[in-house]
Amino acid sequence: MDVRDTSDSSTRNRLDDRIIERCEDIPAEPDPGDYVVVDTMHFSNTVIELLANGAEHVHITDERGEEFAYREANPRARIGGASTEDYEPAEGYDFFNSPTYVQGLDVDGRPVSMTSSNGGRAVARLRACGGPEVDVYVGSPMNAAALGAHLRGRDRPTHIVSAGSGGSTAIEDHVGATLVSRYVDGVPLAETELDLFRRQLKRAKGLDYVARDDIRRRDVLDYAMAINARSVIPRLAGESLVDVGSPTRTAATAGQTVGSD
């Protein structure tokens, strides 16, 4: 049987060529191109929601704790850090990495400063070691279509950093990377595929994760699973992420439960 690949190379999925499977695998000297950091739970979606809710920009620190110095220099800033066991911000912080939690935060017109151990670290690493030909974006299932279309129009190499967790790969980040890659390539997704991705996202951190607390339940069901809910496109400008897309909602809606099983 002839098993040769006869597909049109112009519409094939190039994920295998562009994925970096953990933030630890970012090269010391990245090749020129666009780099998308995908940290689905919860850095990417928190950044997207902060910008969607009007934040002037999201400054990314090199290390957690540096947000306090940023606020001293920018008194109107909101800063994010670790969470307590009952899902409140650690002492001195205004929020933590949760797209749900930041809905109650007044960030309109304000600068924000934050990081995370995976996605934030990946952004900081690319900022430090990337040259002028390296542009850094933040993506997730929530903005995959908008981001993919934006990158496709730039006609330059795309690299996708699936941030991972604690040095290991993460299913939810691979799902986000797959979705972004498909939209960069202009390869249509069937509704059956999207439903499968939503199911994978719901179970990615274990079946008990959504039962831990209402905050985490909503982080997963209302945001991680809300594929293409946002057209926000975070891009690194200097030390901060700014929105170069349109912060309007698309067909799906953040804040709406899209998983039901």
Protein backbone atom coordinates (compact mmCIF):
# COMPACT_ATOMS: atom_id res chain seq x y z
CA MET A 1 0.00 0.00 0.00
CA ASP A 2 1.29 3.45 -0.93
CA VAL A 3 1.64 5.50 2.27
CA ARG A 4 3.39 8.50 0.77
CA ASP A 5 2.27 11.89 2.08
CA THR A 6 0.30 13.50 -0.74
CA SER A 7 -1.12 16.37 1.33
CA ASP A 8 -0.72 19.96 0.22
CA SER A 9 2.36 21.24 2.07
CA SER A 10 0.85 24.72 2.14
CA THR A 11 -1.92 23.54 4.49
CA ARG A 12 -0.14 20.95 6.62
CA ASN A 13 0.24 21.38 10.37
CA ARG A 14 3.81 22.41 11.15
CA LEU A 15 3.56 21.93 14.92
CA ASP A 16 6.40 19.38 15.04
CA ASP A 17 8.70 21.89 13.35
CA ARG A 18 7.92 24.81 15.63
CA ILE A 19 7.17 23.48 19.13
CA ILE A 20 9.52 23.93 22.09
CA GLU A 21 8.13 21.48 24.62
CA ARG A 22 9.18 23.16 27.90
CA CYS A 23 10.35 26.61 28.91
CA GLU A 24 13.62 24.95 29.95
CA ASP A 25 14.22 24.03 26.29
CA ILE A 26 14.32 27.61 25.01
CA PRO A 27 17.70 27.89 23.25
CA ALA A 28 20.37 30.20 24.61
CA GLU A 29 20.42 31.96 21.24
CA PRO A 30 16.91 31.76 19.75
CA ASP A 31 16.60 31.86 15.97
CA PRO A 32 14.89 34.94 14.53
CA GLY A 33 11.12 34.75 14.42
CA ASP A 34 7.95 35.03 16.45
CA TYR A 35 7.82 33.09 19.74
CA VAL A 36 4.50 32.25 21.39
CA VAL A 37 4.56 31.37 25.09
CA VAL A 38 1.65 29.08 26.01
CA ASP A 39 0.99 28.61 29.73
CA THR A 40 -2.70 27.80 29.69
CA MET A 41 -3.18 27.35 33.44
CA HIS A 42 -2.95 30.07 34.43
CA PHE A 43 -0.43 32.66 33.29
CA SER A 44 -1.52 33.10 29.66
CA ASN A 45 -5.21 33.46 30.44
CA THR A 46 -4.52 35.85 33.32
CA VAL A 47 -2.48 38.10 31.03
CA ILE A 48 -5.19 37.96 28.37
CA GLU A 49 -7.91 38.88 30.87
CA LEU A 50 -5.92 41.72 32.42
CA LEU A 51 -5.44 43.29 28.99
CA ALA A 52 -9.04 42.58 28.00
CA ASN A 53 -10.16 44.42 31.14
CA GLY A 54 -8.20 47.53 30.22
CA ALA A 55 -4.74 47.15 31.79
CA GLU A 56 -2.28 49.59 30.23
CA HIS A 57 0.28 46.80 30.00
CA VAL A 58 1.46 43.73 31.91
CA HIS A 59 5.04 44.12 33.07
CA ILE A 60 6.87 40.80 33.50
CA THR A 61 9.46 40.64 36.25
CA ASP A 62 12.56 38.47 36.14
CA GLU A 63 11.83 37.08 39.61
CA ARG A 64 8.80 36.98 41.87
CA GLY A 65 9.07 39.68 44.52
CA GLU A 66 10.31 42.36 42.11
CA GLU A 67 6.72 43.49 41.62
CA PHE A 68 6.92 45.53 44.83
CA ALA A 69 9.74 47.66 43.45
CA TYR A 70 7.74 48.13 40.27
CA ARG A 71 4.77 49.39 42.28
CA GLU A 72 6.98 51.80 44.22
CA ALA A 73 8.04 53.30 40.90
CA ASN A 74 4.48 53.11 39.51
CA PRO A 75 2.07 53.83 42.41
CA ARG A 76 -1.07 53.15 40.35
CA ALA A 77 0.12 49.68 39.41
CA ARG A 78 -1.59 46.44 40.41
CA ILE A 79 0.76 43.58 41.19
CA GLY A 80 0.31 39.82 41.15
CA GLY A 81 2.08 37.05 43.03
CA ALA A 82 1.46 33.75 44.80
CA SER A 83 -1.86 32.64 46.26
CA THR A 84 -2.73 31.47 49.74
CA GLU A 85 -4.25 28.05 50.46
CA ASP A 86 -7.73 29.58 50.38
CA TYR A 87 -7.08 31.21 46.99
CA GLU A 88 -6.46 34.78 48.01
CA PRO A 89 -3.40 36.83 47.00
CA ALA A 90 -0.32 36.41 49.17
CA GLU A 91 0.37 39.32 51.53
CA GLY A 92 1.06 42.58 49.73
CA TYR A 93 -0.24 41.44 46.34
CA ASP A 94 -3.44 42.53 44.58
CA PHE A 95 -4.07 39.27 42.72
CA PHE A 96 -2.60 35.91 41.76
CA ASN A 97 -2.47 33.93 38.52
CA SER A 98 -6.16 33.34 37.92
CA PRO A 99 -8.26 34.73 35.06
CA THR A 100 -11.28 34.35 37.34
CA TYR A 101 -9.82 36.31 40.25
CA VAL A 102 -8.78 39.31 38.16
CA GLN A 103 -12.37 39.92 37.04
CA GLY A 104 -12.92 41.72 40.34
CA LEU A 105 -9.77 43.81 39.99
CA ASP A 106 -9.81 47.43 38.81
CA VAL A 107 -7.05 47.54 36.20
CA ASP A 108 -8.60 49.86 33.63
CA GLY A 109 -5.90 52.29 32.53
CA ARG A 110 -3.45 50.95 35.12
CA PRO A 111 -0.10 49.21 34.65
CA VAL A 112 0.20 45.68 36.02
CA SER A 113 3.27 43.71 37.08
CA MET A 114 3.51 39.93 37.54
CA THR A 115 5.33 36.74 36.60
CA SER A 116 4.91 32.98 36.97
CA SER A 117 7.22 30.02 37.44
CA ASN A 118 6.66 28.72 33.89
CA GLY A 119 5.03 31.12 31.45
CA GLY A 120 6.41 34.27 33.03
CA ARG A 121 9.84 32.70 33.23
CA ALA A 122 9.64 31.79 29.53
CA VAL A 123 8.77 35.36 28.58
CA ALA A 124 11.63 36.71 30.71
CA ARG A 125 14.09 34.21 29.23
CA LEU A 126 13.16 35.11 25.66
CA ARG A 127 13.40 38.79 26.55
CA ALA A 128 16.89 38.28 27.95
CA CYS A 129 18.38 36.04 25.26
CA GLY A 130 16.41 37.02 22.17
CA GLY A 131 17.85 39.60 19.80
CA PRO A 132 16.05 42.33 17.87
CA GLU A 133 14.71 39.74 15.43
CA VAL A 134 12.86 37.85 18.20
CA ASP A 135 9.30 38.92 18.97
CA VAL A 136 7.46 37.39 21.95
CA TYR A 137 3.72 36.73 22.21
CA VAL A 138 1.49 35.06 24.78
CA GLY A 139 -1.10 32.56 23.62
CA SER A 140 -3.60 30.01 24.87
CA PRO A 141 -6.72 28.25 23.61
CA MET A 142 -8.64 31.44 24.45
CA ASN A 143 -6.92 33.58 21.79
CA ALA A 144 -5.66 30.86 19.42
CA ALA A 145 -7.63 31.91 16.32
CA ALA A 146 -6.87 35.64 16.63
CA LEU A 147 -3.21 35.05 17.42
CA GLY A 148 -2.81 32.47 14.66
CA ALA A 149 -4.30 34.80 12.06
CA HIS A 150 -2.05 37.65 13.24
CA LEU A 151 1.10 35.51 13.00
CA ARG A 152 0.11 34.03 9.65
CA GLY A 153 -0.06 37.55 8.26
CA ARG A 154 3.48 38.33 9.42
CA ASP A 155 5.05 35.75 7.10
CA ARG A 156 8.00 34.87 9.32
CA PRO A 157 8.97 31.77 11.33
CA THR A 158 6.74 30.94 14.28
CA HIS A 159 8.05 29.05 17.34
CA ILE A 160 5.68 27.93 20.09
CA VAL A 161 6.91 27.45 23.65
CA SER A 162 4.69 24.97 25.50
CA ALA A 163 5.73 26.23 28.92
CA GLY A 164 5.17 23.03 30.92
CA SER A 165 5.05 22.67 34.68
CA GLY A 166 7.96 22.14 37.04
CA GLY A 167 10.25 20.97 34.26
CA SER A 168 7.72 18.52 32.80
CA THR A 169 5.52 18.88 29.75
CA ALA A 170 1.90 19.89 30.33
CA ILE A 171 -1.09 18.57 28.37
CA GLU A 172 -2.97 21.86 28.57
CA ASP A 173 -0.02 23.76 27.12
CA HIS A 174 0.38 21.23 24.31
CA VAL A 175 -3.33 21.65 23.50
CA GLY A 176 -2.85 25.41 23.35
CA ALA A 177 0.25 25.02 21.19
CA THR A 178 -1.62 22.70 18.83
CA LEU A 179 -4.51 25.12 18.45
CA VAL A 180 -2.27 28.13 17.81
CA SER A 181 -0.24 26.14 15.30
CA ARG A 182 -3.33 25.02 13.42
CA TYR A 183 -4.56 28.59 13.09
CA VAL A 184 -1.12 29.84 12.04
CA ASP A 185 -1.21 27.25 9.25
CA GLY A 186 -4.79 28.06 8.34
CA VAL A 187 -5.85 24.44 8.86
CA PRO A 188 -9.56 24.38 9.76
CA LEU A 189 -10.70 22.68 12.96
CA ALA A 190 -13.86 20.60 13.03
CA GLU A 191 -16.26 21.06 15.92
CA THR A 192 -15.54 17.44 16.90
CA GLU A 193 -11.87 18.34 17.28
CA LEU A 194 -12.66 21.40 19.35
CA ASP A 195 -14.87 19.33 21.63
CA LEU A 196 -12.06 16.81 22.07
CA PHE A 197 -9.62 19.61 22.97
CA ARG A 198 -12.08 20.98 25.54
CA ARG A 199 -12.35 17.57 27.16
CA GLN A 200 -8.56 17.30 27.30
CA LEU A 201 -8.32 20.72 28.90
CA LYS A 202 -10.91 19.83 31.52
CA ARG A 203 -8.98 16.72 32.57
CA ALA A 204 -5.43 17.98 32.01
CA LYS A 205 -4.63 18.65 35.69
CA GLY A 206 -6.62 15.72 37.04
CA LEU A 207 -10.31 15.10 37.58
CA ASP A 208 -10.18 16.53 41.10
CA TYR A 209 -8.66 19.87 40.07
CA VAL A 210 -11.97 21.54 39.19
CA ALA A 211 -13.38 20.39 42.54
CA ARG A 212 -10.69 22.10 44.64
CA ASP A 213 -12.26 25.54 44.74
CA ASP A 214 -14.73 27.61 42.76
CA ILE A 215 -11.87 29.84 41.57
CA ARG A 216 -10.00 26.95 39.97
CA ARG A 217 -13.21 25.41 38.66
CA ARG A 218 -14.01 28.62 36.81
CA ASP A 219 -10.38 29.04 35.68
CA VAL A 220 -10.73 25.72 33.86
CA LEU A 221 -14.37 25.63 32.74
CA ASP A 222 -14.89 29.31 31.96
CA TYR A 223 -11.46 30.27 30.62
CA ALA A 224 -9.12 27.40 29.73
CA MET A 225 -11.93 25.64 27.88
CA ALA A 226 -13.25 28.83 26.23
CA ILE A 227 -11.52 28.22 22.91
CA ASN A 228 -11.29 31.40 20.79
CA ALA A 229 -13.17 33.49 23.35
CA ARG A 230 -10.78 36.44 23.06
CA SER A 231 -9.11 38.42 20.28
CA VAL A 232 -6.54 39.93 22.66
CA ILE A 233 -2.99 39.44 21.34
CA PRO A 234 -0.33 40.08 24.02
CA ARG A 235 3.04 41.03 22.54
CA LEU A 236 6.20 41.97 24.40
CA ALA A 237 7.23 45.60 24.05
CA GLY A 238 10.31 46.31 26.13
CA GLU A 239 9.64 44.69 29.50
CA SER A 240 5.87 44.56 29.22
CA LEU A 241 3.13 42.77 27.31
CA VAL A 242 0.70 44.99 25.40
CA ASP A 243 -2.38 44.13 23.36
CA VAL A 244 -1.79 44.43 19.61
CA GLY A 245 -5.14 42.86 18.76
CA SER A 246 -8.67 43.87 19.58
CA PRO A 247 -9.90 43.18 23.15
CA THR A 248 -13.37 42.20 22.00
CA ARG A 249 -15.10 38.88 22.50
CA THR A 250 -15.70 36.45 19.70
CA ALA A 251 -18.31 33.69 19.42
CA ALA A 252 -17.38 32.01 22.67
CA THR A 253 -17.50 34.15 25.81
CA ALA A 254 -15.07 34.23 28.71
CA GLY A 255 -17.07 33.96 31.89
CA GLN A 256 -19.41 31.43 30.29
CA THR A 257 -19.12 27.73 31.10
CA VAL A 258 -18.31 25.86 27.89
CA GLY A 259 -17.76 22.43 29.39
CA SER A 260 -20.70 20.49 30.70
CA ASP A 261 -19.67 16.90 31.26
